[in-house]
Each structure stands twice: as structure tokens, then as C-alpha cells.
C-alpha atoms as a PDB file:
ATOM      1  CA  UNK A   1     -95.573 -53.620-175.991  1.00  0.00           C
ATOM      2  CA  UNK A   2     -96.537 -51.931-172.753  1.00  0.00           C
ATOM      3  CA  UNK A   3     -93.913 -51.231-170.059  1.00  0.00           C
ATOM      4  CA  UNK A   4     -95.404 -53.946-167.865  1.00  0.00           C
ATOM      5  CA  UNK A   5     -95.028 -56.489-170.693  1.00  0.00           C
ATOM      6  CA  UNK A   6     -91.241 -56.151-170.813  1.00  0.00           C
ATOM      7  CA  UNK A   7     -89.487 -59.222-169.470  1.00  0.00           C
ATOM      8  CA  UNK A   8     -87.016 -58.270-166.749  1.00  0.00           C
ATOM      9  CA  UNK A   9     -84.191 -60.703-166.120  1.00  0.00           C
ATOM     10  CA  UNK A  10     -83.332 -62.370-162.826  1.00  0.00           C
ATOM     11  CA  UNK A  11     -81.163 -59.459-161.660  1.00  0.00           C
ATOM     12  CA  UNK A  12     -84.121 -57.078-161.985  1.00  0.00           C
ATOM     13  CA  UNK A  13     -82.494 -55.008-164.704  1.00  0.00           C
ATOM     14  CA  UNK A  14     -83.204 -54.129-168.316  1.00  0.00           C
ATOM     15  CA  UNK A  15     -80.997 -53.151-171.250  1.00  0.00           C
ATOM     16  CA  UNK A  16     -82.243 -50.574-173.756  1.00  0.00           C
ATOM     17  CA  UNK A  17     -80.470 -50.218-177.116  1.00  0.00           C
ATOM     18  CA  UNK A  18     -80.250 -46.847-178.858  1.00  0.00           C
ATOM     19  CA  UNK A  19     -79.053 -46.209-182.403  1.00  0.00           C
ATOM     20  CA  UNK A  20     -80.336 -42.669-183.075  1.00  0.00           C
ATOM     21  CA  UNK A  21     -80.696 -39.732-180.685  1.00  0.00           C
ATOM     22  CA  UNK A  22     -80.469 -42.114-177.721  1.00  0.00           C
ATOM     23  CA  UNK A  23     -76.731 -42.565-178.356  1.00  0.00           C
ATOM     24  CA  UNK A  24     -75.994 -38.981-177.287  1.00  0.00           C
ATOM     25  CA  UNK A  25     -79.016 -37.950-175.243  1.00  0.00           C
ATOM     26  CA  UNK A  26     -80.823 -40.779-173.462  1.00  0.00           C
ATOM     27  CA  UNK A  27     -82.391 -38.376-170.925  1.00  0.00           C
ATOM     28  CA  UNK A  28     -83.252 -41.134-168.470  1.00  0.00           C
ATOM     29  CA  UNK A  29     -81.364 -42.464-165.446  1.00  0.00           C
ATOM     30  CA  UNK A  30     -79.281 -45.590-166.045  1.00  0.00           C
ATOM     31  CA  UNK A  31     -76.675 -47.646-164.195  1.00  0.00           C
ATOM     32  CA  UNK A  32     -74.128 -48.033-167.003  1.00  0.00           C
ATOM     33  CA  UNK A  33     -73.823 -48.087-170.775  1.00  0.00           C
ATOM     34  CA  UNK A  34     -71.996 -50.156-173.379  1.00  0.00           C
ATOM     35  CA  UNK A  35     -71.141 -49.431-177.013  1.00  0.00           C
ATOM     36  CA  UNK A  36     -71.890 -52.340-179.302  1.00  0.00           C
ATOM     37  CA  UNK A  37     -74.039 -53.634-182.124  1.00  0.00           C
ATOM     38  CA  UNK A  38     -77.064 -55.704-183.017  1.00  0.00           C
ATOM     39  CA  UNK A  39     -77.034 -58.023-186.022  1.00  0.00           C
ATOM     40  CA  UNK A  40     -79.750 -58.540-188.604  1.00  0.00           C
ATOM     41  CA  UNK A  41     -80.670 -54.857-188.912  1.00  0.00           C
ATOM     42  CA  UNK A  42     -79.425 -51.845-190.867  1.00  0.00           C
ATOM     43  CA  UNK A  43     -79.932 -48.224-189.829  1.00  0.00           C
ATOM     44  CA  UNK A  44     -81.830 -46.124-192.353  1.00  0.00           C
ATOM     45  CA  UNK A  45     -83.124 -42.546-192.408  1.00  0.00           C
ATOM     46  CA  UNK A  46     -86.504 -43.723-193.604  1.00  0.00           C
ATOM     47  CA  UNK A  47     -88.749 -42.561-190.773  1.00  0.00           C
ATOM     48  CA  UNK A  48     -90.510 -39.212-190.655  1.00  0.00           C
ATOM     49  CA  UNK A  49     -90.435 -36.883-187.653  1.00  0.00           C
ATOM     50  CA  UNK A  50     -93.084 -34.172-187.382  1.00  0.00           C
ATOM     51  CA  UNK A  51     -92.329 -33.172-183.790  1.00  0.00           C
ATOM     52  CA  UNK A  52     -88.649 -33.301-182.749  1.00  0.00           C
ATOM     53  CA  UNK A  53     -86.842 -32.657-186.066  1.00  0.00           C
ATOM     54  CA  UNK A  54     -89.596 -31.435-188.329  1.00  0.00           C
ATOM     55  CA  UNK A  55     -93.233 -30.386-188.403  1.00  0.00           C
ATOM     56  CA  UNK A  56     -96.483 -31.422-190.075  1.00  0.00           C
ATOM     57  CA  UNK A  57     -95.690 -29.516-193.270  1.00  0.00           C
ATOM     58  CA  UNK A  58     -92.018 -30.503-193.446  1.00  0.00           C
ATOM     59  CA  UNK A  59     -91.345 -33.738-191.567  1.00  0.00           C
ATOM     60  CA  UNK A  60     -87.701 -34.410-190.823  1.00  0.00           C
ATOM     61  CA  UNK A  61     -85.821 -37.632-191.521  1.00  0.00           C
ATOM     62  CA  UNK A  62     -84.690 -39.757-188.577  1.00  0.00           C
ATOM     63  CA  UNK A  63     -83.300 -43.250-188.192  1.00  0.00           C
ATOM     64  CA  UNK A  64     -85.106 -46.534-187.898  1.00  0.00           C
ATOM     65  CA  UNK A  65     -84.013 -50.144-188.319  1.00  0.00           C
ATOM     66  CA  UNK A  66     -84.704 -52.316-191.347  1.00  0.00           C
ATOM     67  CA  UNK A  67     -84.228 -56.070-191.266  1.00  0.00           C
ATOM     68  CA  UNK A  68     -81.164 -57.251-193.181  1.00  0.00           C
ATOM     69  CA  UNK A  69     -79.546 -60.546-192.226  1.00  0.00           C
ATOM     70  CA  UNK A  70     -76.150 -59.409-193.524  1.00  0.00           C
ATOM     71  CA  UNK A  71     -76.070 -56.113-191.637  1.00  0.00           C
ATOM     72  CA  UNK A  72     -75.313 -54.894-188.141  1.00  0.00           C
ATOM     73  CA  UNK A  73     -76.096 -51.578-186.479  1.00  0.00           C
ATOM     74  CA  UNK A  74     -73.877 -49.892-183.930  1.00  0.00           C
ATOM     75  CA  UNK A  75     -75.121 -47.887-180.976  1.00  0.00           C
ATOM     76  CA  UNK A  76     -75.314 -47.805-177.193  1.00  0.00           C
ATOM     77  CA  UNK A  77     -77.078 -50.111-174.744  1.00  0.00           C
ATOM     78  CA  UNK A  78     -78.109 -48.697-171.363  1.00  0.00           C
ATOM     79  CA  UNK A  79     -78.694 -50.791-168.256  1.00  0.00           C
ATOM     80  CA  UNK A  80     -81.561 -49.612-166.075  1.00  0.00           C
ATOM     81  CA  UNK A  81     -82.326 -51.209-162.727  1.00  0.00           C
ATOM     82  CA  UNK A  82     -85.042 -51.297-160.087  1.00  0.00           C
ATOM     83  CA  UNK A  83     -87.046 -48.031-160.026  1.00  0.00           C
ATOM     84  CA  UNK A  84     -85.173 -46.784-163.111  1.00  0.00           C
ATOM     85  CA  UNK A  85     -86.933 -49.402-165.216  1.00  0.00           C
ATOM     86  CA  UNK A  86     -90.479 -48.120-164.943  1.00  0.00           C
ATOM     87  CA  UNK A  87     -89.363 -44.481-165.036  1.00  0.00           C
ATOM     88  CA  UNK A  88     -87.295 -44.967-168.189  1.00  0.00           C
ATOM     89  CA  UNK A  89     -90.004 -46.971-169.947  1.00  0.00           C
ATOM     90  CA  UNK A  90     -92.645 -44.357-169.185  1.00  0.00           C
ATOM     91  CA  UNK A  91     -90.367 -41.619-170.485  1.00  0.00           C
ATOM     92  CA  UNK A  92     -89.389 -43.552-173.624  1.00  0.00           C
ATOM     93  CA  UNK A  93     -92.987 -44.513-174.322  1.00  0.00           C
ATOM     94  CA  UNK A  94     -93.842 -40.828-174.666  1.00  0.00           C
ATOM     95  CA  UNK A  95     -90.636 -39.892-176.503  1.00  0.00           C
ATOM     96  CA  UNK A  96     -90.398 -42.822-178.899  1.00  0.00           C
ATOM     97  CA  UNK A  97     -93.876 -44.337-179.172  1.00  0.00           C
ATOM     98  CA  UNK A  98     -96.438 -41.561-178.645  1.00  0.00           C
ATOM     99  CA  UNK A  99     -94.464 -38.716-180.260  1.00  0.00           C
ATOM    100  CA  UNK A 100     -92.080 -40.739-182.434  1.00  0.00           C
ATOM    101  CA  UNK A 101     -94.267 -43.512-183.793  1.00  0.00           C
ATOM    102  CA  UNK A 102     -91.900 -46.343-182.851  1.00  0.00           C
ATOM    103  CA  UNK A 103     -92.745 -49.821-181.567  1.00  0.00           C
ATOM    104  CA  UNK A 104     -90.599 -52.070-179.374  1.00  0.00           C
ATOM    105  CA  UNK A 105     -88.744 -55.262-180.193  1.00  0.00           C
ATOM    106  CA  UNK A 106     -86.265 -57.469-178.362  1.00  0.00           C
ATOM    107  CA  UNK A 107     -82.830 -57.928-179.901  1.00  0.00           C
ATOM    108  CA  UNK A 108     -79.490 -59.498-179.036  1.00  0.00           C
ATOM    109  CA  UNK A 109     -76.924 -56.823-178.236  1.00  0.00           C
ATOM    110  CA  UNK A 110     -73.226 -57.613-178.642  1.00  0.00           C
ATOM    111  CA  UNK A 111     -70.888 -55.345-176.615  1.00  0.00           C
ATOM    112  CA  UNK A 112     -67.836 -53.971-178.418  1.00  0.00           C
ATOM    113  CA  UNK A 113     -65.635 -54.628-175.402  1.00  0.00           C
ATOM    114  CA  UNK A 114     -63.915 -57.990-175.727  1.00  0.00           C
ATOM    115  CA  UNK A 115     -64.851 -60.726-173.323  1.00  0.00           C
ATOM    116  CA  UNK A 116     -68.398 -59.417-172.824  1.00  0.00           C
ATOM    117  CA  UNK A 117     -71.268 -61.764-173.577  1.00  0.00           C
ATOM    118  CA  UNK A 118     -74.348 -60.920-175.628  1.00  0.00           C
ATOM    119  CA  UNK A 119     -77.298 -59.292-173.867  1.00  0.00           C
ATOM    120  CA  UNK A 120     -81.030 -59.203-174.549  1.00  0.00           C
ATOM    121  CA  UNK A 121     -82.078 -55.598-175.111  1.00  0.00           C
ATOM    122  CA  UNK A 122     -85.189 -53.590-175.847  1.00  0.00           C
ATOM    123  CA  UNK A 123     -85.098 -51.481-179.013  1.00  0.00           C
ATOM    124  CA  UNK A 124     -87.487 -48.984-180.611  1.00  0.00           C
ATOM    125  CA  UNK A 125     -88.193 -49.452-184.330  1.00  0.00           C
ATOM    126  CA  UNK A 126     -90.439 -47.531-186.740  1.00  0.00           C
ATOM    127  CA  UNK A 127     -92.052 -49.743-189.356  1.00  0.00           C
ATOM    128  CA  UNK A 128     -93.549 -49.040-192.773  1.00  0.00           C
ATOM    129  CA  UNK A 129     -97.134 -49.163-191.514  1.00  0.00           C
ATOM    130  CA  UNK A 130     -96.592 -46.014-189.437  1.00  0.00           C
ATOM    131  CA  UNK A 131     -98.457 -42.938-190.791  1.00  0.00           C
ATOM    132  CA  UNK A 132     -95.299 -40.767-190.725  1.00  0.00           C
ATOM    133  CA  UNK A 133     -92.985 -43.419-192.184  1.00  0.00           C
ATOM    134  CA  UNK A 134     -91.334 -41.920-195.270  1.00  0.00           C
ATOM    135  CA  UNK A 135     -89.554 -44.926-196.725  1.00  0.00           C
ATOM    136  CA  UNK A 136     -86.553 -45.265-199.051  1.00  0.00           C
ATOM    137  CA  UNK A 137     -85.131 -42.349-201.021  1.00  0.00           C
ATOM    138  CA  UNK A 138     -81.792 -41.478-202.567  1.00  0.00           C
ATOM    139  CA  UNK A 139     -79.031 -39.996-200.411  1.00  0.00           C
ATOM    140  CA  UNK A 140     -79.500 -36.662-202.176  1.00  0.00           C
ATOM    141  CA  UNK A 141     -83.263 -36.621-201.577  1.00  0.00           C
ATOM    142  CA  UNK A 142     -82.854 -37.488-197.897  1.00  0.00           C
ATOM    143  CA  UNK A 143     -80.118 -34.866-197.519  1.00  0.00           C
ATOM    144  CA  UNK A 144     -82.281 -32.185-199.162  1.00  0.00           C
ATOM    145  CA  UNK A 145     -85.060 -32.927-196.701  1.00  0.00           C
ATOM    146  CA  UNK A 146     -82.757 -32.945-193.673  1.00  0.00           C
ATOM    147  CA  UNK A 147     -81.150 -29.662-194.748  1.00  0.00           C
ATOM    148  CA  UNK A 148     -84.373 -27.659-194.450  1.00  0.00           C
ATOM    149  CA  UNK A 149     -86.158 -29.287-191.518  1.00  0.00           C
ATOM    150  CA  UNK A 150     -86.365 -28.191-187.919  1.00  0.00           C
ATOM    151  CA  UNK A 151     -88.568 -29.254-185.020  1.00  0.00           C
ATOM    152  CA  UNK A 152     -89.066 -28.744-181.298  1.00  0.00           C
ATOM    153  CA  UNK A 153     -85.670 -30.307-180.498  1.00  0.00           C
ATOM    154  CA  UNK A 154     -83.739 -28.349-183.130  1.00  0.00           C
ATOM    155  CA  UNK A 155     -82.311 -28.756-186.619  1.00  0.00           C
ATOM    156  CA  UNK A 156     -82.664 -32.070-188.408  1.00  0.00           C
ATOM    157  CA  UNK A 157     -79.024 -31.546-189.420  1.00  0.00           C
ATOM    158  CA  UNK A 158     -78.000 -31.754-185.764  1.00  0.00           C
ATOM    159  CA  UNK A 159     -79.501 -35.235-185.481  1.00  0.00           C
ATOM    160  CA  UNK A 160     -77.427 -36.346-188.469  1.00  0.00           C
ATOM    161  CA  UNK A 161     -74.221 -34.643-187.297  1.00  0.00           C
ATOM    162  CA  UNK A 162     -74.392 -36.018-183.769  1.00  0.00           C
ATOM    163  CA  UNK A 163     -74.955 -39.549-185.026  1.00  0.00           C
ATOM    164  CA  UNK A 164     -72.043 -39.314-187.459  1.00  0.00           C
ATOM    165  CA  UNK A 165     -69.822 -37.917-184.692  1.00  0.00           C
ATOM    166  CA  UNK A 166     -70.754 -40.790-182.406  1.00  0.00           C
ATOM    167  CA  UNK A 167     -69.748 -43.326-185.040  1.00  0.00           C
ATOM    168  CA  UNK A 168     -66.398 -41.649-185.706  1.00  0.00           C
ATOM    169  CA  UNK A 169     -65.610 -41.297-182.012  1.00  0.00           C
ATOM    170  CA  UNK A 170     -66.771 -44.636-180.631  1.00  0.00           C
ATOM    171  CA  UNK A 171     -66.713 -46.905-183.691  1.00  0.00           C
ATOM    172  CA  UNK A 172     -63.886 -45.506-185.853  1.00  0.00           C
ATOM    173  CA  UNK A 173     -63.285 -48.870-187.489  1.00  0.00           C
ATOM    174  CA  UNK A 174     -66.871 -49.036-188.785  1.00  0.00           C
ATOM    175  CA  UNK A 175     -67.899 -47.367-192.046  1.00  0.00           C
ATOM    176  CA  UNK A 176     -71.622 -46.588-192.060  1.00  0.00           C
ATOM    177  CA  UNK A 177     -72.153 -46.019-195.771  1.00  0.00           C
ATOM    178  CA  UNK A 178     -75.761 -44.820-195.500  1.00  0.00           C
ATOM    179  CA  UNK A 179     -75.081 -42.380-192.674  1.00  0.00           C
ATOM    180  CA  UNK A 180     -71.860 -40.907-194.012  1.00  0.00           C
ATOM    181  CA  UNK A 181     -73.172 -40.609-197.579  1.00  0.00           C
ATOM    182  CA  UNK A 182     -76.147 -38.571-196.395  1.00  0.00           C
ATOM    183  CA  UNK A 183     -73.862 -36.416-194.254  1.00  0.00           C
ATOM    184  CA  UNK A 184     -71.641 -35.762-197.289  1.00  0.00           C
ATOM    185  CA  UNK A 185     -74.692 -34.953-199.428  1.00  0.00           C
ATOM    186  CA  UNK A 186     -75.915 -32.392-196.864  1.00  0.00           C
ATOM    187  CA  UNK A 187     -72.516 -30.683-196.756  1.00  0.00           C
ATOM    188  CA  UNK A 188     -72.469 -30.693-200.549  1.00  0.00           C
ATOM    189  CA  UNK A 189     -75.809 -28.877-200.663  1.00  0.00           C
ATOM    190  CA  UNK A 190     -74.457 -25.958-198.661  1.00  0.00           C
ATOM    191  CA  UNK A 191     -71.141 -26.024-200.512  1.00  0.00           C
ATOM    192  CA  UNK A 192     -72.984 -25.336-203.775  1.00  0.00           C
ATOM    193  CA  UNK A 193     -75.277 -22.658-202.350  1.00  0.00           C
ATOM    194  CA  UNK A 194     -73.333 -19.416-202.406  1.00  0.00           C
ATOM    195  CA  UNK A 195     -73.929 -17.249-199.372  1.00  0.00           C
ATOM    196  CA  UNK A 196     -75.736 -20.014-197.508  1.00  0.00           C
ATOM    197  CA  UNK A 197     -73.927 -21.942-194.826  1.00  0.00           C
ATOM    198  CA  UNK A 198     -75.059 -24.923-192.764  1.00  0.00           C
ATOM    199  CA  UNK A 199     -75.985 -24.133-189.158  1.00  0.00           C
ATOM    200  CA  UNK A 200     -72.843 -23.643-187.106  1.00  0.00           C
ATOM    201  CA  UNK A 201     -71.778 -27.031-185.799  1.00  0.00           C
ATOM    202  CA  UNK A 202     -70.820 -25.686-182.389  1.00  0.00           C
ATOM    203  CA  UNK A 203     -74.194 -24.067-181.889  1.00  0.00           C
ATOM    204  CA  UNK A 204     -75.917 -27.238-183.063  1.00  0.00           C
ATOM    205  CA  UNK A 205     -74.173 -29.296-180.424  1.00  0.00           C
ATOM    206  CA  UNK A 206     -75.088 -26.939-177.591  1.00  0.00           C
ATOM    207  CA  UNK A 207     -78.806 -27.496-177.751  1.00  0.00           C
ATOM    208  CA  UNK A 208     -81.594 -29.858-178.714  1.00  0.00           C
ATOM    209  CA  UNK A 209     -81.627 -33.654-178.705  1.00  0.00           C
END
């Protein structure tokens, strides 16, 4: 889907839903944001990243969405208006599509705040036909990969930590089994490696996306 193909509603605005790095670092101008979820999808660390969180030899593991009628995925929706629309879509096309390998879909976003109606939002999803798609693996295998990878935006661990922190801070009532199990597996790796510690969390959160 090209930026021009996106359907803008009558108020000349657009909502963009983020469930990975976009929840903490959108890096585009927006009018407001809402925490909420989309139904029918589960978040999985099944996509490869050979630019931001890994390289060609050691691709990192980042999140994508997989269809599951019983699931819901929590994240942040951003409202962009007027000139922000084209600017944000151009930026995200490079970040998510060209460099990330994602495609766009339209989904129904449900705000967490009570009394707010559902919104139509644009979301970026990496599918299994992508060349750098890595697919399913055990929590331990995914954790082992994340623990050693680093790309232009920083440690792959940072991506995982920031996402887990977002969930605990903004969605404390939600237990993301996949996310938290991988986080625990990563911490377990360093716990059992004497003399080796995970990158300092404070330093991780000061840089990169």
C-alpha cells in the first residue's frame, strides 16, 4: 500500500497503530496518542531484522503480528493530521517497509480508555513471505538470538526490554506470555553465564530505538 492509497477519514486525519518500537519511539509528529488493542492478532518475535537490531550475519528478532481470532495485541495508536499524514507515511515507509520488510494493513483499534469508540488504524505487519522472516522458534531459541544481536539502532535486548516495560507500565493488567517468557529466558541466559552480564538497562534506555 502506497501512502497515497491510504484512506483518510472525513476529518482529514489518520490513526497509526504501533506494537513494537513505535510504542516508545514513533519519531514522527502526531496530534495525540491512545493506548489500546487490536483483536484477531497476536504479537510474536518471528520477524528478522538485519538493519536496526541485527545485521546480515546475525539478524535480530523483532515483533510482527500473526492472525489469531482468540488473541489481542496491545500497543499505541497515533493520530496524525493534515501535513503530518504524508510526512509520517513517508518516514514510516522507509523505516518499516524499505528497511524493515513490513507491509500495511487496516485494523480496528479499541482504545483502553472507557467510553472511547473503536477506530480504523493503519498497522505494519511482516508476513512469512518476507526474505528476512524467521518464523516460529522456542522462547529459549529466540532469547539466545536476541541476547547476541545488535544493529544500527542498538542492542536487540533493548527492543525487548522497552516493549516489556511499556506493557508493565501502560497495561499492567495484561499478561503477554510470549513477550515476558522471552524476556525471562534472556535474563536466565546471563544469570547462568558467570562473569557475563546483560547490557546495563539504564544505558540501553538512553539510546537507540
